[in-house]
């Protein structure tokens, strides 16, 4: 069994997607949509994004139910070349399910039944052999599984010398008031998450985003990347001023999993030794491509597609030399 270069700890869901002209408001029924089913969950999205953009093995720590959704998820992940030996199949839980509504502009609303994701415990992480971590370079985690499980994974990764990435989604008061942010070498909130976690709720200009980054560094995160959708991302490295990494101009069809794609591709670039700013540029290209297609996992781009987009934008890449 090969050793992973990137390890992802996170959720696996089956996405049940309804695409319609507009998103319903409370009490409203919108008729005439299109339905489809696809693999998803922030952890699975990040793992597949890393696998498709990397030339190295990706390991995945997760849990599914002993049901058809779970069995299908594991088969699909194996087809992506992901190492699945540490995906637990729980007999007393159903596989996680996400109900996703997407409008004609690509905006979405998501409701999740966590199922087996909530049953992934710190003991599952403790039981993993040391060799699984020892050859890896980057560890990525989200918060759709229990926070104490994520903390255990981050601790094991740091003890093994890995770069740790924490995507603090979904953000909560428990996360904001905990010590988990100190375990993140790179924290990757989006704008609402950065607002909530930093306690700085004003957004008038880029200076406010920089204040978010500094506040989060004071909470213990060594480096911060705030993703801002079509406005690009702000990168605050350990020292120096924050910098803007501009977004790629694309026509958005479905923004589902764009943030997860960013995190998976960021892990790939950091594992390859790129600086945080160049890694964020690479991840921005991958995320831009992901919003041009429907679905979560189906939208995640290949390395060849990301490289082609970067090659077409070589002038901007020179800024990061």
C-alpha atoms as a PDB file:
ATOM      1  CA  UNK A   1       0.000   0.000   0.000  1.00  0.00           C
ATOM      2  CA  UNK A   2       1.553   3.357  -1.015  1.00  0.00           C
ATOM      3  CA  UNK A   3       2.029   6.100   1.571  1.00  0.00           C
ATOM      4  CA  UNK A   4       0.083   9.335   1.098  1.00  0.00           C
ATOM      5  CA  UNK A   5       1.736  12.692   0.460  1.00  0.00           C
ATOM      6  CA  UNK A   6      -1.463  14.561   1.364  1.00  0.00           C
ATOM      7  CA  UNK A   7      -3.870  13.443   4.107  1.00  0.00           C
ATOM      8  CA  UNK A   8      -7.440  14.720   4.324  1.00  0.00           C
ATOM      9  CA  UNK A   9      -9.665  14.317   7.365  1.00  0.00           C
ATOM     10  CA  UNK A  10     -13.302  15.176   6.841  1.00  0.00           C
ATOM     11  CA  UNK A  11     -16.818  14.354   5.773  1.00  0.00           C
ATOM     12  CA  UNK A  12     -18.360  12.162   3.105  1.00  0.00           C
ATOM     13  CA  UNK A  13     -21.879  12.930   1.908  1.00  0.00           C
ATOM     14  CA  UNK A  14     -24.136  11.893  -0.898  1.00  0.00           C
ATOM     15  CA  UNK A  15     -25.340  15.104  -2.540  1.00  0.00           C
ATOM     16  CA  UNK A  16     -28.971  15.234  -3.661  1.00  0.00           C
ATOM     17  CA  UNK A  17     -29.073  18.298  -5.896  1.00  0.00           C
ATOM     18  CA  UNK A  18     -32.052  20.254  -7.194  1.00  0.00           C
ATOM     19  CA  UNK A  19     -31.322  22.922  -9.790  1.00  0.00           C
ATOM     20  CA  UNK A  20     -34.022  25.515 -10.473  1.00  0.00           C
ATOM     21  CA  UNK A  21     -34.472  29.058 -11.747  1.00  0.00           C
ATOM     22  CA  UNK A  22     -34.360  30.575  -8.276  1.00  0.00           C
ATOM     23  CA  UNK A  23     -33.821  29.584  -4.658  1.00  0.00           C
ATOM     24  CA  UNK A  24     -37.033  29.357  -2.615  1.00  0.00           C
ATOM     25  CA  UNK A  25     -37.667  31.725   0.245  1.00  0.00           C
ATOM     26  CA  UNK A  26     -39.226  30.495   3.507  1.00  0.00           C
ATOM     27  CA  UNK A  27     -42.564  28.852   2.796  1.00  0.00           C
ATOM     28  CA  UNK A  28     -42.147  29.106  -0.981  1.00  0.00           C
ATOM     29  CA  UNK A  29     -42.313  26.197  -3.449  1.00  0.00           C
ATOM     30  CA  UNK A  30     -40.336  26.493  -6.679  1.00  0.00           C
ATOM     31  CA  UNK A  31     -41.476  24.097  -9.425  1.00  0.00           C
ATOM     32  CA  UNK A  32     -39.688  22.969 -12.559  1.00  0.00           C
ATOM     33  CA  UNK A  33     -36.250  22.030 -11.271  1.00  0.00           C
ATOM     34  CA  UNK A  34     -33.781  19.387 -12.397  1.00  0.00           C
ATOM     35  CA  UNK A  35     -32.578  16.681  -9.972  1.00  0.00           C
ATOM     36  CA  UNK A  36     -29.332  14.730  -9.877  1.00  0.00           C
ATOM     37  CA  UNK A  37     -27.224  12.800  -7.349  1.00  0.00           C
ATOM     38  CA  UNK A  38     -23.467  13.062  -6.864  1.00  0.00           C
ATOM     39  CA  UNK A  39     -20.713  12.381  -4.367  1.00  0.00           C
ATOM     40  CA  UNK A  40     -19.868  15.182  -1.956  1.00  0.00           C
ATOM     41  CA  UNK A  41     -19.058  16.243   1.587  1.00  0.00           C
ATOM     42  CA  UNK A  42     -16.353  18.804   2.276  1.00  0.00           C
ATOM     43  CA  UNK A  43     -13.784  16.143   3.138  1.00  0.00           C
ATOM     44  CA  UNK A  44     -14.469  14.055   0.054  1.00  0.00           C
ATOM     45  CA  UNK A  45     -14.462  17.149  -2.151  1.00  0.00           C
ATOM     46  CA  UNK A  46     -11.109  18.237  -0.751  1.00  0.00           C
ATOM     47  CA  UNK A  47      -9.628  14.759  -1.091  1.00  0.00           C
ATOM     48  CA  UNK A  48     -10.705  14.422  -4.726  1.00  0.00           C
ATOM     49  CA  UNK A  49      -9.546  17.966  -5.534  1.00  0.00           C
ATOM     50  CA  UNK A  50      -6.137  17.102  -4.093  1.00  0.00           C
ATOM     51  CA  UNK A  51      -6.014  13.779  -5.926  1.00  0.00           C
ATOM     52  CA  UNK A  52      -6.937  15.271  -9.297  1.00  0.00           C
ATOM     53  CA  UNK A  53      -4.453  18.130  -9.046  1.00  0.00           C
ATOM     54  CA  UNK A  54      -1.602  16.086  -7.562  1.00  0.00           C
ATOM     55  CA  UNK A  55       0.672  13.436  -8.973  1.00  0.00           C
ATOM     56  CA  UNK A  56       1.026  11.817  -5.539  1.00  0.00           C
ATOM     57  CA  UNK A  57      -1.191   9.591  -3.344  1.00  0.00           C
ATOM     58  CA  UNK A  58      -3.878  11.153  -1.153  1.00  0.00           C
ATOM     59  CA  UNK A  59      -5.008   9.479   2.060  1.00  0.00           C
ATOM     60  CA  UNK A  60      -8.471  10.020   3.512  1.00  0.00           C
ATOM     61  CA  UNK A  61      -9.706   9.666   7.103  1.00  0.00           C
ATOM     62  CA  UNK A  62     -13.507   9.615   7.223  1.00  0.00           C
ATOM     63  CA  UNK A  63     -16.634   7.575   8.042  1.00  0.00           C
ATOM     64  CA  UNK A  64     -19.661   6.323   6.119  1.00  0.00           C
ATOM     65  CA  UNK A  65     -22.656   4.177   6.989  1.00  0.00           C
ATOM     66  CA  UNK A  66     -22.939   0.517   6.094  1.00  0.00           C
ATOM     67  CA  UNK A  67     -25.450   1.352   3.366  1.00  0.00           C
ATOM     68  CA  UNK A  68     -25.523   1.716  -0.392  1.00  0.00           C
ATOM     69  CA  UNK A  69     -24.593   5.419  -0.271  1.00  0.00           C
ATOM     70  CA  UNK A  70     -21.510   4.547   1.801  1.00  0.00           C
ATOM     71  CA  UNK A  71     -20.415   1.637  -0.366  1.00  0.00           C
ATOM     72  CA  UNK A  72     -20.858   3.716  -3.509  1.00  0.00           C
ATOM     73  CA  UNK A  73     -18.842   6.578  -1.994  1.00  0.00           C
ATOM     74  CA  UNK A  74     -15.890   4.312  -1.211  1.00  0.00           C
ATOM     75  CA  UNK A  75     -15.947   2.788  -4.700  1.00  0.00           C
ATOM     76  CA  UNK A  76     -15.948   6.238  -6.283  1.00  0.00           C
ATOM     77  CA  UNK A  77     -13.105   7.479  -4.087  1.00  0.00           C
ATOM     78  CA  UNK A  78     -10.985   4.446  -4.956  1.00  0.00           C
ATOM     79  CA  UNK A  79     -11.519   5.194  -8.650  1.00  0.00           C
ATOM     80  CA  UNK A  80      -9.965   8.594  -7.969  1.00  0.00           C
ATOM     81  CA  UNK A  81      -6.860   6.864  -6.638  1.00  0.00           C
ATOM     82  CA  UNK A  82      -7.562   7.863  -3.030  1.00  0.00           C
ATOM     83  CA  UNK A  83      -6.311   5.588  -0.241  1.00  0.00           C
ATOM     84  CA  UNK A  84      -9.455   4.514   1.613  1.00  0.00           C
ATOM     85  CA  UNK A  85      -8.150   2.092   4.270  1.00  0.00           C
ATOM     86  CA  UNK A  86      -8.920   4.617   7.013  1.00  0.00           C
ATOM     87  CA  UNK A  87     -12.516   5.279   5.997  1.00  0.00           C
ATOM     88  CA  UNK A  88     -14.611   3.642   8.733  1.00  0.00           C
ATOM     89  CA  UNK A  89     -17.911   1.946   7.815  1.00  0.00           C
ATOM     90  CA  UNK A  90     -20.280   2.336  10.787  1.00  0.00           C
ATOM     91  CA  UNK A  91     -23.132  -0.139  11.191  1.00  0.00           C
ATOM     92  CA  UNK A  92     -25.214   2.117  13.441  1.00  0.00           C
ATOM     93  CA  UNK A  93     -25.129   5.263  11.283  1.00  0.00           C
ATOM     94  CA  UNK A  94     -26.368   6.263   7.842  1.00  0.00           C
ATOM     95  CA  UNK A  95     -24.003   7.859   5.364  1.00  0.00           C
ATOM     96  CA  UNK A  96     -24.173  11.651   5.434  1.00  0.00           C
ATOM     97  CA  UNK A  97     -26.583  13.309   3.015  1.00  0.00           C
ATOM     98  CA  UNK A  98     -26.616  16.893   1.714  1.00  0.00           C
ATOM     99  CA  UNK A  99     -29.696  18.469   0.141  1.00  0.00           C
ATOM    100  CA  UNK A 100     -28.462  21.166  -2.243  1.00  0.00           C
ATOM    101  CA  UNK A 101     -30.490  23.737  -4.142  1.00  0.00           C
ATOM    102  CA  UNK A 102     -28.766  25.689  -6.919  1.00  0.00           C
ATOM    103  CA  UNK A 103     -30.208  28.619  -8.896  1.00  0.00           C
ATOM    104  CA  UNK A 104     -29.546  29.697 -12.468  1.00  0.00           C
ATOM    105  CA  UNK A 105     -26.749  32.024 -11.305  1.00  0.00           C
ATOM    106  CA  UNK A 106     -24.857  29.238  -9.556  1.00  0.00           C
ATOM    107  CA  UNK A 107     -25.704  30.345  -6.000  1.00  0.00           C
ATOM    108  CA  UNK A 108     -26.710  27.581  -3.591  1.00  0.00           C
ATOM    109  CA  UNK A 109     -28.377  26.641  -0.324  1.00  0.00           C
ATOM    110  CA  UNK A 110     -27.283  23.469   1.486  1.00  0.00           C
ATOM    111  CA  UNK A 111     -28.751  21.440   4.341  1.00  0.00           C
ATOM    112  CA  UNK A 112     -26.779  18.472   5.696  1.00  0.00           C
ATOM    113  CA  UNK A 113     -27.721  15.368   7.705  1.00  0.00           C
ATOM    114  CA  UNK A 114     -24.325  14.430   9.166  1.00  0.00           C
ATOM    115  CA  UNK A 115     -24.989  10.737   9.793  1.00  0.00           C
ATOM    116  CA  UNK A 116     -21.749   8.742  10.036  1.00  0.00           C
ATOM    117  CA  UNK A 117     -19.661  11.915   9.818  1.00  0.00           C
ATOM    118  CA  UNK A 118     -20.683  12.666  13.411  1.00  0.00           C
ATOM    119  CA  UNK A 119     -19.540   9.174  14.428  1.00  0.00           C
ATOM    120  CA  UNK A 120     -15.900   9.667  13.421  1.00  0.00           C
ATOM    121  CA  UNK A 121     -14.145   9.773  16.800  1.00  0.00           C
ATOM    122  CA  UNK A 122     -10.663  10.746  18.053  1.00  0.00           C
ATOM    123  CA  UNK A 123     -10.079   7.032  18.768  1.00  0.00           C
ATOM    124  CA  UNK A 124     -10.365   6.348  15.035  1.00  0.00           C
ATOM    125  CA  UNK A 125      -7.495   8.799  14.448  1.00  0.00           C
ATOM    126  CA  UNK A 126      -5.403   7.503  17.357  1.00  0.00           C
ATOM    127  CA  UNK A 127      -5.619   3.961  15.955  1.00  0.00           C
ATOM    128  CA  UNK A 128      -4.026   4.905  12.609  1.00  0.00           C
ATOM    129  CA  UNK A 129      -0.487   3.596  12.163  1.00  0.00           C
ATOM    130  CA  UNK A 130       2.388   6.050  12.381  1.00  0.00           C
ATOM    131  CA  UNK A 131       3.594   5.188   8.878  1.00  0.00           C
ATOM    132  CA  UNK A 132       0.431   6.693   7.388  1.00  0.00           C
ATOM    133  CA  UNK A 133       1.525  10.118   8.661  1.00  0.00           C
ATOM    134  CA  UNK A 134       5.298   9.815   8.480  1.00  0.00           C
ATOM    135  CA  UNK A 135       5.710  10.048   4.701  1.00  0.00           C
ATOM    136  CA  UNK A 136       3.095  12.779   4.199  1.00  0.00           C
ATOM    137  CA  UNK A 137       3.750  16.501   3.740  1.00  0.00           C
ATOM    138  CA  UNK A 138       0.359  18.216   4.148  1.00  0.00           C
ATOM    139  CA  UNK A 139      -2.712  17.541   6.292  1.00  0.00           C
ATOM    140  CA  UNK A 140      -6.109  19.097   5.510  1.00  0.00           C
ATOM    141  CA  UNK A 141      -9.206  19.117   7.717  1.00  0.00           C
ATOM    142  CA  UNK A 142     -12.651  20.689   7.729  1.00  0.00           C
ATOM    143  CA  UNK A 143     -15.247  20.865  10.519  1.00  0.00           C
ATOM    144  CA  UNK A 144     -18.073  18.684   9.186  1.00  0.00           C
ATOM    145  CA  UNK A 145     -16.840  15.968  11.563  1.00  0.00           C
ATOM    146  CA  UNK A 146     -16.515  16.344  15.380  1.00  0.00           C
ATOM    147  CA  UNK A 147     -14.079  19.062  16.418  1.00  0.00           C
ATOM    148  CA  UNK A 148     -12.222  16.860  18.907  1.00  0.00           C
ATOM    149  CA  UNK A 149     -11.568  14.392  16.079  1.00  0.00           C
ATOM    150  CA  UNK A 150     -10.218  17.192  13.891  1.00  0.00           C
ATOM    151  CA  UNK A 151      -8.030  18.402  16.761  1.00  0.00           C
ATOM    152  CA  UNK A 152      -6.580  14.918  17.223  1.00  0.00           C
ATOM    153  CA  UNK A 153      -5.808  14.707  13.512  1.00  0.00           C
ATOM    154  CA  UNK A 154      -4.149  18.123  13.513  1.00  0.00           C
ATOM    155  CA  UNK A 155      -2.055  17.185  16.560  1.00  0.00           C
ATOM    156  CA  UNK A 156      -0.875  13.937  14.992  1.00  0.00           C
ATOM    157  CA  UNK A 157      -0.050  15.749  11.769  1.00  0.00           C
ATOM    158  CA  UNK A 158       1.935  18.459  13.542  1.00  0.00           C
ATOM    159  CA  UNK A 159       3.801  15.870  15.612  1.00  0.00           C
ATOM    160  CA  UNK A 160       4.778  14.176  12.339  1.00  0.00           C
ATOM    161  CA  UNK A 161       6.022  17.473  10.872  1.00  0.00           C
ATOM    162  CA  UNK A 162       3.236  18.012   8.311  1.00  0.00           C
ATOM    163  CA  UNK A 163       1.944  21.398   7.162  1.00  0.00           C
ATOM    164  CA  UNK A 164      -1.574  21.616   8.633  1.00  0.00           C
ATOM    165  CA  UNK A 165      -4.448  23.315   6.810  1.00  0.00           C
ATOM    166  CA  UNK A 166      -7.705  23.941   8.666  1.00  0.00           C
ATOM    167  CA  UNK A 167     -10.737  24.961   6.652  1.00  0.00           C
ATOM    168  CA  UNK A 168     -12.931  26.284   9.522  1.00  0.00           C
ATOM    169  CA  UNK A 169     -16.245  25.403   7.941  1.00  0.00           C
ATOM    170  CA  UNK A 170     -18.792  25.408   9.300  1.00  0.00           C
ATOM    171  CA  UNK A 171     -17.658  28.064  11.781  1.00  0.00           C
ATOM    172  CA  UNK A 172     -19.203  28.075  15.256  1.00  0.00           C
ATOM    173  CA  UNK A 173     -18.772  29.609  18.671  1.00  0.00           C
ATOM    174  CA  UNK A 174     -17.147  26.354  19.792  1.00  0.00           C
ATOM    175  CA  UNK A 175     -14.472  26.778  17.131  1.00  0.00           C
ATOM    176  CA  UNK A 176     -13.973  30.479  17.841  1.00  0.00           C
ATOM    177  CA  UNK A 177     -13.471  29.886  21.564  1.00  0.00           C
ATOM    178  CA  UNK A 178     -11.296  26.765  21.270  1.00  0.00           C
ATOM    179  CA  UNK A 179      -7.575  26.169  20.958  1.00  0.00           C
ATOM    180  CA  UNK A 180      -7.947  24.391  17.615  1.00  0.00           C
ATOM    181  CA  UNK A 181      -6.912  27.449  15.595  1.00  0.00           C
ATOM    182  CA  UNK A 182      -3.453  27.175  17.165  1.00  0.00           C
ATOM    183  CA  UNK A 183      -3.033  23.791  15.469  1.00  0.00           C
ATOM    184  CA  UNK A 184      -3.411  25.303  11.988  1.00  0.00           C
ATOM    185  CA  UNK A 185      -0.328  26.328  10.057  1.00  0.00           C
ATOM    186  CA  UNK A 186      -2.698  27.684   7.408  1.00  0.00           C
ATOM    187  CA  UNK A 187      -6.271  28.765   8.203  1.00  0.00           C
ATOM    188  CA  UNK A 188      -8.574  29.114   5.166  1.00  0.00           C
ATOM    189  CA  UNK A 189     -11.872  30.820   6.075  1.00  0.00           C
ATOM    190  CA  UNK A 190     -14.177  32.468   3.583  1.00  0.00           C
ATOM    191  CA  UNK A 191     -15.407  35.997   4.286  1.00  0.00           C
ATOM    192  CA  UNK A 192     -18.340  35.113   6.589  1.00  0.00           C
ATOM    193  CA  UNK A 193     -16.184  32.627   8.510  1.00  0.00           C
ATOM    194  CA  UNK A 194     -13.346  35.147   8.861  1.00  0.00           C
ATOM    195  CA  UNK A 195     -15.824  37.743  10.122  1.00  0.00           C
ATOM    196  CA  UNK A 196     -17.257  35.380  12.711  1.00  0.00           C
ATOM    197  CA  UNK A 197     -13.977  33.897  13.925  1.00  0.00           C
ATOM    198  CA  UNK A 198     -12.080  37.185  14.096  1.00  0.00           C
ATOM    199  CA  UNK A 199     -14.859  39.121  15.802  1.00  0.00           C
ATOM    200  CA  UNK A 200     -14.353  41.967  13.304  1.00  0.00           C
ATOM    201  CA  UNK A 201     -17.647  42.432  11.471  1.00  0.00           C
ATOM    202  CA  UNK A 202     -16.924  45.531   9.384  1.00  0.00           C
ATOM    203  CA  UNK A 203     -16.153  45.209   5.682  1.00  0.00           C
ATOM    204  CA  UNK A 204     -15.629  48.530   3.982  1.00  0.00           C
ATOM    205  CA  UNK A 205     -12.371  47.887   2.153  1.00  0.00           C
ATOM    206  CA  UNK A 206      -9.433  45.505   1.904  1.00  0.00           C
ATOM    207  CA  UNK A 207      -7.928  46.930   5.080  1.00  0.00           C
ATOM    208  CA  UNK A 208     -10.755  45.274   7.012  1.00  0.00           C
ATOM    209  CA  UNK A 209      -9.904  41.896   5.486  1.00  0.00           C
ATOM    210  CA  UNK A 210      -6.303  42.435   6.552  1.00  0.00           C
ATOM    211  CA  UNK A 211      -7.506  43.101  10.096  1.00  0.00           C
ATOM    212  CA  UNK A 212      -9.404  39.796   9.972  1.00  0.00           C
ATOM    213  CA  UNK A 213      -6.168  38.026   9.060  1.00  0.00           C
ATOM    214  CA  UNK A 214      -4.213  39.681  11.859  1.00  0.00           C
ATOM    215  CA  UNK A 215      -6.926  38.890  14.412  1.00  0.00           C
ATOM    216  CA  UNK A 216      -6.890  35.228  13.363  1.00  0.00           C
ATOM    217  CA  UNK A 217      -3.111  35.103  13.620  1.00  0.00           C
ATOM    218  CA  UNK A 218      -3.405  36.470  17.147  1.00  0.00           C
ATOM    219  CA  UNK A 219      -5.706  33.547  17.926  1.00  0.00           C
ATOM    220  CA  UNK A 220      -2.861  31.210  16.984  1.00  0.00           C
ATOM    221  CA  UNK A 221      -3.041  30.426  13.263  1.00  0.00           C
ATOM    222  CA  UNK A 222       0.399  30.899  11.720  1.00  0.00           C
ATOM    223  CA  UNK A 223      -0.807  31.899   8.228  1.00  0.00           C
ATOM    224  CA  UNK A 224      -4.240  32.872   6.907  1.00  0.00           C
ATOM    225  CA  UNK A 225      -5.902  32.764   3.498  1.00  0.00           C
ATOM    226  CA  UNK A 226      -9.324  34.461   3.307  1.00  0.00           C
ATOM    227  CA  UNK A 227     -11.204  33.304   0.202  1.00  0.00           C
ATOM    228  CA  UNK A 228     -13.490  35.916  -1.347  1.00  0.00           C
ATOM    229  CA  UNK A 229     -15.079  34.196  -4.341  1.00  0.00           C
ATOM    230  CA  UNK A 230     -14.939  36.355  -7.459  1.00  0.00           C
ATOM    231  CA  UNK A 231     -12.873  38.927  -5.522  1.00  0.00           C
ATOM    232  CA  UNK A 232      -9.942  36.522  -5.181  1.00  0.00           C
ATOM    233  CA  UNK A 233      -8.277  35.824  -1.847  1.00  0.00           C
ATOM    234  CA  UNK A 234      -6.164  37.604   0.746  1.00  0.00           C
ATOM    235  CA  UNK A 235      -2.972  35.826   1.808  1.00  0.00           C
ATOM    236  CA  UNK A 236      -1.332  36.705   5.135  1.00  0.00           C
ATOM    237  CA  UNK A 237       1.916  34.835   5.574  1.00  0.00           C
ATOM    238  CA  UNK A 238       3.712  34.485   8.889  1.00  0.00           C
ATOM    239  CA  UNK A 239       5.577  37.760   8.373  1.00  0.00           C
ATOM    240  CA  UNK A 240       4.953  40.681   6.061  1.00  0.00           C
ATOM    241  CA  UNK A 241       1.895  42.498   4.810  1.00  0.00           C
ATOM    242  CA  UNK A 242      -1.188  40.705   3.442  1.00  0.00           C
ATOM    243  CA  UNK A 243      -1.367  40.375  -0.331  1.00  0.00           C
ATOM    244  CA  UNK A 244      -4.232  40.054  -2.781  1.00  0.00           C
ATOM    245  CA  UNK A 245      -4.351  37.073  -5.121  1.00  0.00           C
ATOM    246  CA  UNK A 246      -6.884  38.030  -7.811  1.00  0.00           C
ATOM    247  CA  UNK A 247      -9.547  35.636  -9.029  1.00  0.00           C
ATOM    248  CA  UNK A 248      -9.800  34.230 -12.542  1.00  0.00           C
ATOM    249  CA  UNK A 249     -12.657  35.585 -14.641  1.00  0.00           C
ATOM    250  CA  UNK A 250     -15.070  32.746 -15.469  1.00  0.00           C
ATOM    251  CA  UNK A 251     -18.810  32.306 -15.955  1.00  0.00           C
ATOM    252  CA  UNK A 252     -20.143  30.588 -12.825  1.00  0.00           C
ATOM    253  CA  UNK A 253     -22.589  27.736 -13.362  1.00  0.00           C
ATOM    254  CA  UNK A 254     -22.524  26.200  -9.870  1.00  0.00           C
ATOM    255  CA  UNK A 255     -20.414  27.392  -6.918  1.00  0.00           C
ATOM    256  CA  UNK A 256     -20.909  24.174  -4.923  1.00  0.00           C
ATOM    257  CA  UNK A 257     -17.546  22.881  -3.634  1.00  0.00           C
ATOM    258  CA  UNK A 258     -15.503  25.819  -4.936  1.00  0.00           C
ATOM    259  CA  UNK A 259     -14.049  26.388  -1.482  1.00  0.00           C
ATOM    260  CA  UNK A 260     -13.308  22.692  -1.071  1.00  0.00           C
ATOM    261  CA  UNK A 261     -11.595  22.651  -4.448  1.00  0.00           C
ATOM    262  CA  UNK A 262      -9.469  25.601  -3.338  1.00  0.00           C
ATOM    263  CA  UNK A 263      -8.369  23.786  -0.180  1.00  0.00           C
ATOM    264  CA  UNK A 264      -7.543  20.518  -1.935  1.00  0.00           C
ATOM    265  CA  UNK A 265      -5.531  22.279  -4.632  1.00  0.00           C
ATOM    266  CA  UNK A 266      -3.825  24.456  -2.010  1.00  0.00           C
ATOM    267  CA  UNK A 267      -2.651  21.260  -0.297  1.00  0.00           C
ATOM    268  CA  UNK A 268      -1.265  19.987  -3.605  1.00  0.00           C
ATOM    269  CA  UNK A 269       0.744  23.145  -4.238  1.00  0.00           C
ATOM    270  CA  UNK A 270       2.101  23.317  -0.680  1.00  0.00           C
ATOM    271  CA  UNK A 271       3.085  19.633  -0.850  1.00  0.00           C
ATOM    272  CA  UNK A 272       5.050  20.497  -3.994  1.00  0.00           C
ATOM    273  CA  UNK A 273       6.971  23.156  -2.068  1.00  0.00           C
ATOM    274  CA  UNK A 274       5.311  26.274  -3.463  1.00  0.00           C
ATOM    275  CA  UNK A 275       5.094  29.429  -1.356  1.00  0.00           C
ATOM    276  CA  UNK A 276       1.726  30.206   0.188  1.00  0.00           C
ATOM    277  CA  UNK A 277       1.035  33.012  -2.304  1.00  0.00           C
ATOM    278  CA  UNK A 278       1.850  30.846  -5.322  1.00  0.00           C
ATOM    279  CA  UNK A 279      -0.107  27.963  -3.805  1.00  0.00           C
ATOM    280  CA  UNK A 280      -3.117  30.277  -3.394  1.00  0.00           C
ATOM    281  CA  UNK A 281      -2.769  31.333  -7.045  1.00  0.00           C
ATOM    282  CA  UNK A 282      -2.749  27.666  -8.115  1.00  0.00           C
ATOM    283  CA  UNK A 283      -5.746  26.943  -5.873  1.00  0.00           C
ATOM    284  CA  UNK A 284      -7.626  29.948  -7.258  1.00  0.00           C
ATOM    285  CA  UNK A 285      -7.235  28.569 -10.764  1.00  0.00           C
ATOM    286  CA  UNK A 286      -8.616  25.193  -9.686  1.00  0.00           C
ATOM    287  CA  UNK A 287     -11.546  26.803  -7.853  1.00  0.00           C
ATOM    288  CA  UNK A 288     -12.349  28.992 -10.861  1.00  0.00           C
ATOM    289  CA  UNK A 289     -12.562  25.941 -13.095  1.00  0.00           C
ATOM    290  CA  UNK A 290     -14.796  24.139 -10.587  1.00  0.00           C
ATOM    291  CA  UNK A 291     -17.563  26.759 -10.754  1.00  0.00           C
ATOM    292  CA  UNK A 292     -17.885  26.330 -14.525  1.00  0.00           C
ATOM    293  CA  UNK A 293     -19.417  22.838 -14.092  1.00  0.00           C
ATOM    294  CA  UNK A 294     -22.305  21.402 -12.111  1.00  0.00           C
ATOM    295  CA  UNK A 295     -22.058  19.351  -8.969  1.00  0.00           C
ATOM    296  CA  UNK A 296     -19.439  18.959  -6.271  1.00  0.00           C
ATOM    297  CA  UNK A 297     -17.057  16.118  -7.116  1.00  0.00           C
ATOM    298  CA  UNK A 298     -18.040  16.119 -10.827  1.00  0.00           C
ATOM    299  CA  UNK A 299     -16.886  19.747 -11.106  1.00  0.00           C
ATOM    300  CA  UNK A 300     -13.399  19.291  -9.659  1.00  0.00           C
ATOM    301  CA  UNK A 301     -10.740  19.869 -12.347  1.00  0.00           C
ATOM    302  CA  UNK A 302      -7.761  17.794 -13.416  1.00  0.00           C
ATOM    303  CA  UNK A 303      -4.145  18.914 -13.068  1.00  0.00           C
ATOM    304  CA  UNK A 304      -3.941  19.307 -16.837  1.00  0.00           C
ATOM    305  CA  UNK A 305      -6.889  21.733 -16.836  1.00  0.00           C
ATOM    306  CA  UNK A 306      -5.428  23.791 -13.990  1.00  0.00           C
ATOM    307  CA  UNK A 307      -2.012  23.979 -15.650  1.00  0.00           C
ATOM    308  CA  UNK A 308      -3.629  25.053 -18.923  1.00  0.00           C
ATOM    309  CA  UNK A 309      -5.457  27.911 -17.198  1.00  0.00           C
ATOM    310  CA  UNK A 310      -2.276  28.977 -15.433  1.00  0.00           C
ATOM    311  CA  UNK A 311      -0.316  28.870 -18.695  1.00  0.00           C
ATOM    312  CA  UNK A 312      -2.918  31.142 -20.295  1.00  0.00           C
ATOM    313  CA  UNK A 313      -2.358  33.604 -17.461  1.00  0.00           C
ATOM    314  CA  UNK A 314       1.425  33.484 -17.329  1.00  0.00           C
ATOM    315  CA  UNK A 315       1.804  37.275 -17.091  1.00  0.00           C
ATOM    316  CA  UNK A 316      -0.034  37.373 -13.789  1.00  0.00           C
ATOM    317  CA  UNK A 317       1.926  34.393 -12.483  1.00  0.00           C
ATOM    318  CA  UNK A 318       5.128  36.390 -12.903  1.00  0.00           C
ATOM    319  CA  UNK A 319       3.962  38.594 -10.026  1.00  0.00           C
ATOM    320  CA  UNK A 320       4.561  35.660  -7.682  1.00  0.00           C
ATOM    321  CA  UNK A 321       8.064  34.845  -8.903  1.00  0.00           C
END
